[in-house]
Amino acid sequence: MIYHSSQLDHADLTGKRVVVIGSGASGVESAELAVHKMAESVHVLAREDKWLIPRNAGFDILLSLK
């Protein structure tokens, strides 16, 4: 099945293998929702890495080591 991110609230993803195309805000929220809905696996396809704003000093250090 193919779903648009706007349709995921009503999708049954339990035990499904999910591929999210895009790593923007909608893609990240869709991946999080798929995990919450007990998907078997979740993969995100993106053209390039996205940089996240560090939430704490430890996370900032880990990012800088990358």
N, C-alpha and C. Protein backbone atom coordinates (compact mmCIF):
# COMPACT_ATOMS: atom_id res chain seq x y z
N MET A 1 0.84 -1.18 0.00
CA MET A 1 0.00 0.00 0.00
C MET A 1 0.89 1.24 0.00
N ILE A 2 0.39 2.28 -0.60
CA ILE A 2 1.08 3.56 -0.60
C ILE A 2 0.17 4.56 0.10
N TYR A 3 0.75 5.28 1.07
CA TYR A 3 -0.01 6.28 1.81
C TYR A 3 0.69 7.63 1.73
N HIS A 4 -0.07 8.67 1.66
CA HIS A 4 0.45 10.03 1.83
C HIS A 4 0.52 10.27 3.33
N SER A 5 1.42 11.11 3.77
CA SER A 5 1.58 11.35 5.22
C SER A 5 0.28 11.81 5.87
N SER A 6 -0.59 12.47 5.12
CA SER A 6 -1.86 12.94 5.68
C SER A 6 -2.84 11.80 5.95
N GLN A 7 -2.56 10.61 5.43
CA GLN A 7 -3.45 9.45 5.60
C GLN A 7 -2.99 8.49 6.68
N LEU A 8 -1.85 8.74 7.30
CA LEU A 8 -1.28 7.76 8.21
C LEU A 8 -2.01 7.62 9.54
N ASP A 9 -2.75 8.63 9.95
CA ASP A 9 -3.47 8.52 11.23
C ASP A 9 -4.42 7.33 11.24
N HIS A 10 -4.98 7.00 10.08
CA HIS A 10 -5.98 5.93 9.99
C HIS A 10 -5.42 4.64 9.39
N ALA A 11 -4.12 4.60 9.11
CA ALA A 11 -3.52 3.41 8.50
C ALA A 11 -3.14 2.40 9.58
N ASP A 12 -3.40 1.12 9.29
CA ASP A 12 -2.98 0.04 10.18
C ASP A 12 -1.57 -0.38 9.76
N LEU A 13 -0.57 -0.02 10.53
CA LEU A 13 0.82 -0.32 10.19
C LEU A 13 1.42 -1.44 11.03
N THR A 14 0.62 -2.04 11.87
CA THR A 14 1.09 -3.11 12.75
C THR A 14 1.70 -4.25 11.94
N GLY A 15 2.97 -4.54 12.22
CA GLY A 15 3.66 -5.64 11.56
C GLY A 15 4.07 -5.38 10.13
N LYS A 16 3.87 -4.16 9.63
CA LYS A 16 4.21 -3.83 8.25
C LYS A 16 5.65 -3.32 8.14
N ARG A 17 6.25 -3.53 6.98
CA ARG A 17 7.55 -2.93 6.67
C ARG A 17 7.26 -1.59 6.00
N VAL A 18 7.78 -0.51 6.57
CA VAL A 18 7.45 0.84 6.12
C VAL A 18 8.69 1.52 5.54
N VAL A 19 8.50 2.16 4.39
CA VAL A 19 9.55 2.98 3.79
C VAL A 19 9.00 4.40 3.68
N VAL A 20 9.71 5.35 4.27
CA VAL A 20 9.34 6.76 4.21
C VAL A 20 10.27 7.44 3.21
N ILE A 21 9.69 8.12 2.23
CA ILE A 21 10.49 8.81 1.23
C ILE A 21 10.55 10.28 1.61
N GLY A 22 11.76 10.73 1.97
CA GLY A 22 11.96 12.11 2.38
C GLY A 22 12.23 12.21 3.87
N SER A 23 13.14 13.10 4.23
CA SER A 23 13.50 13.24 5.64
C SER A 23 13.21 14.64 6.17
N GLY A 24 12.24 15.30 5.55
CA GLY A 24 11.79 16.60 6.07
C GLY A 24 10.89 16.39 7.27
N ALA A 25 10.23 17.43 7.69
CA ALA A 25 9.38 17.36 8.88
C ALA A 25 8.31 16.29 8.76
N SER A 26 7.63 16.23 7.61
CA SER A 26 6.58 15.21 7.43
C SER A 26 7.16 13.81 7.42
N GLY A 27 8.32 13.64 6.82
CA GLY A 27 8.96 12.32 6.78
C GLY A 27 9.34 11.83 8.16
N VAL A 28 9.92 12.72 8.94
CA VAL A 28 10.33 12.34 10.30
C VAL A 28 9.11 12.02 11.16
N GLU A 29 8.06 12.84 11.05
CA GLU A 29 6.83 12.57 11.80
C GLU A 29 6.18 11.26 11.35
N SER A 30 6.24 10.97 10.05
CA SER A 30 5.67 9.72 9.54
C SER A 30 6.43 8.51 10.07
N ALA A 31 7.75 8.61 10.10
CA ALA A 31 8.56 7.51 10.63
C ALA A 31 8.26 7.30 12.11
N GLU A 32 8.17 8.38 12.86
CA GLU A 32 7.85 8.28 14.29
C GLU A 32 6.48 7.64 14.49
N LEU A 33 5.51 8.02 13.70
CA LEU A 33 4.16 7.46 13.81
C LEU A 33 4.17 5.97 13.46
N ALA A 34 4.94 5.59 12.44
CA ALA A 34 5.01 4.17 12.06
C ALA A 34 5.59 3.33 13.20
N VAL A 35 6.60 3.85 13.87
CA VAL A 35 7.18 3.15 15.03
C VAL A 35 6.13 3.04 16.13
N HIS A 36 5.43 4.13 16.38
CA HIS A 36 4.38 4.15 17.42
C HIS A 36 3.27 3.16 17.09
N LYS A 37 2.97 2.98 15.80
CA LYS A 37 1.91 2.07 15.37
C LYS A 37 2.41 0.64 15.20
N MET A 38 3.59 0.35 15.74
CA MET A 38 4.13 -1.01 15.81
C MET A 38 4.47 -1.60 14.44
N ALA A 39 5.02 -0.78 13.55
CA ALA A 39 5.50 -1.30 12.26
C ALA A 39 6.65 -2.27 12.52
N GLU A 40 6.77 -3.29 11.66
CA GLU A 40 7.85 -4.27 11.81
C GLU A 40 9.21 -3.60 11.64
N SER A 41 9.32 -2.75 10.61
CA SER A 41 10.55 -2.01 10.36
C SER A 41 10.20 -0.69 9.70
N VAL A 42 11.08 0.30 9.89
CA VAL A 42 10.88 1.62 9.30
C VAL A 42 12.20 2.07 8.70
N HIS A 43 12.18 2.40 7.41
CA HIS A 43 13.37 2.89 6.71
C HIS A 43 13.04 4.25 6.12
N VAL A 44 13.98 5.18 6.22
CA VAL A 44 13.80 6.53 5.68
C VAL A 44 14.79 6.71 4.53
N LEU A 45 14.26 7.06 3.36
CA LEU A 45 15.09 7.34 2.19
C LEU A 45 15.23 8.85 2.04
N ALA A 46 16.47 9.33 1.93
CA ALA A 46 16.71 10.76 1.83
C ALA A 46 17.87 11.03 0.89
N ARG A 47 17.89 12.18 0.26
CA ARG A 47 18.99 12.55 -0.63
C ARG A 47 20.26 12.85 0.13
N GLU A 48 20.15 13.43 1.33
CA GLU A 48 21.33 13.77 2.12
C GLU A 48 20.96 13.81 3.60
N ASP A 49 22.00 13.77 4.43
CA ASP A 49 21.77 13.83 5.88
C ASP A 49 21.17 15.17 6.27
N LYS A 50 20.31 15.14 7.25
CA LYS A 50 19.76 16.37 7.83
C LYS A 50 20.49 16.64 9.14
N TRP A 51 20.77 17.88 9.42
CA TRP A 51 21.38 18.24 10.69
C TRP A 51 20.28 18.61 11.66
N LEU A 52 20.36 18.04 12.84
CA LEU A 52 19.40 18.32 13.90
C LEU A 52 19.99 19.34 14.86
N ILE A 53 19.13 20.14 15.43
CA ILE A 53 19.59 21.07 16.45
C ILE A 53 19.83 20.28 17.73
N PRO A 54 21.04 20.34 18.28
CA PRO A 54 21.34 19.57 19.50
C PRO A 54 20.41 19.96 20.65
N ARG A 55 19.99 18.96 21.40
CA ARG A 55 19.10 19.20 22.52
C ARG A 55 19.84 19.37 23.84
N ASN A 56 21.10 18.93 23.87
CA ASN A 56 21.89 19.09 25.08
C ASN A 56 23.38 19.04 24.73
N ALA A 57 24.22 19.35 25.66
CA ALA A 57 25.67 19.42 25.40
C ALA A 57 26.23 18.06 24.97
N GLY A 58 25.79 16.98 25.60
CA GLY A 58 26.28 15.64 25.25
C GLY A 58 25.95 15.30 23.80
N PHE A 59 24.75 15.61 23.38
CA PHE A 59 24.34 15.37 22.00
C PHE A 59 25.15 16.22 21.04
N ASP A 60 25.41 17.47 21.42
CA ASP A 60 26.22 18.38 20.61
C ASP A 60 27.62 17.81 20.41
N ILE A 61 28.20 17.25 21.45
CA ILE A 61 29.54 16.66 21.36
C ILE A 61 29.53 15.46 20.42
N LEU A 62 28.52 14.61 20.53
CA LEU A 62 28.44 13.45 19.65
C LEU A 62 28.30 13.87 18.19
N LEU A 63 27.53 14.89 17.92
CA LEU A 63 27.40 15.38 16.55
C LEU A 63 28.71 15.93 16.02
N SER A 64 29.45 16.63 16.86
CA SER A 64 30.69 17.22 16.40
C SER A 64 31.76 16.16 16.13
N LEU A 65 31.63 14.99 16.73
CA LEU A 65 32.56 13.90 16.50
C LEU A 65 32.28 13.14 15.20
N LYS A 66 31.13 13.39 14.63
CA LYS A 66 30.72 12.66 13.42
C LYS A 66 31.64 12.95 12.27
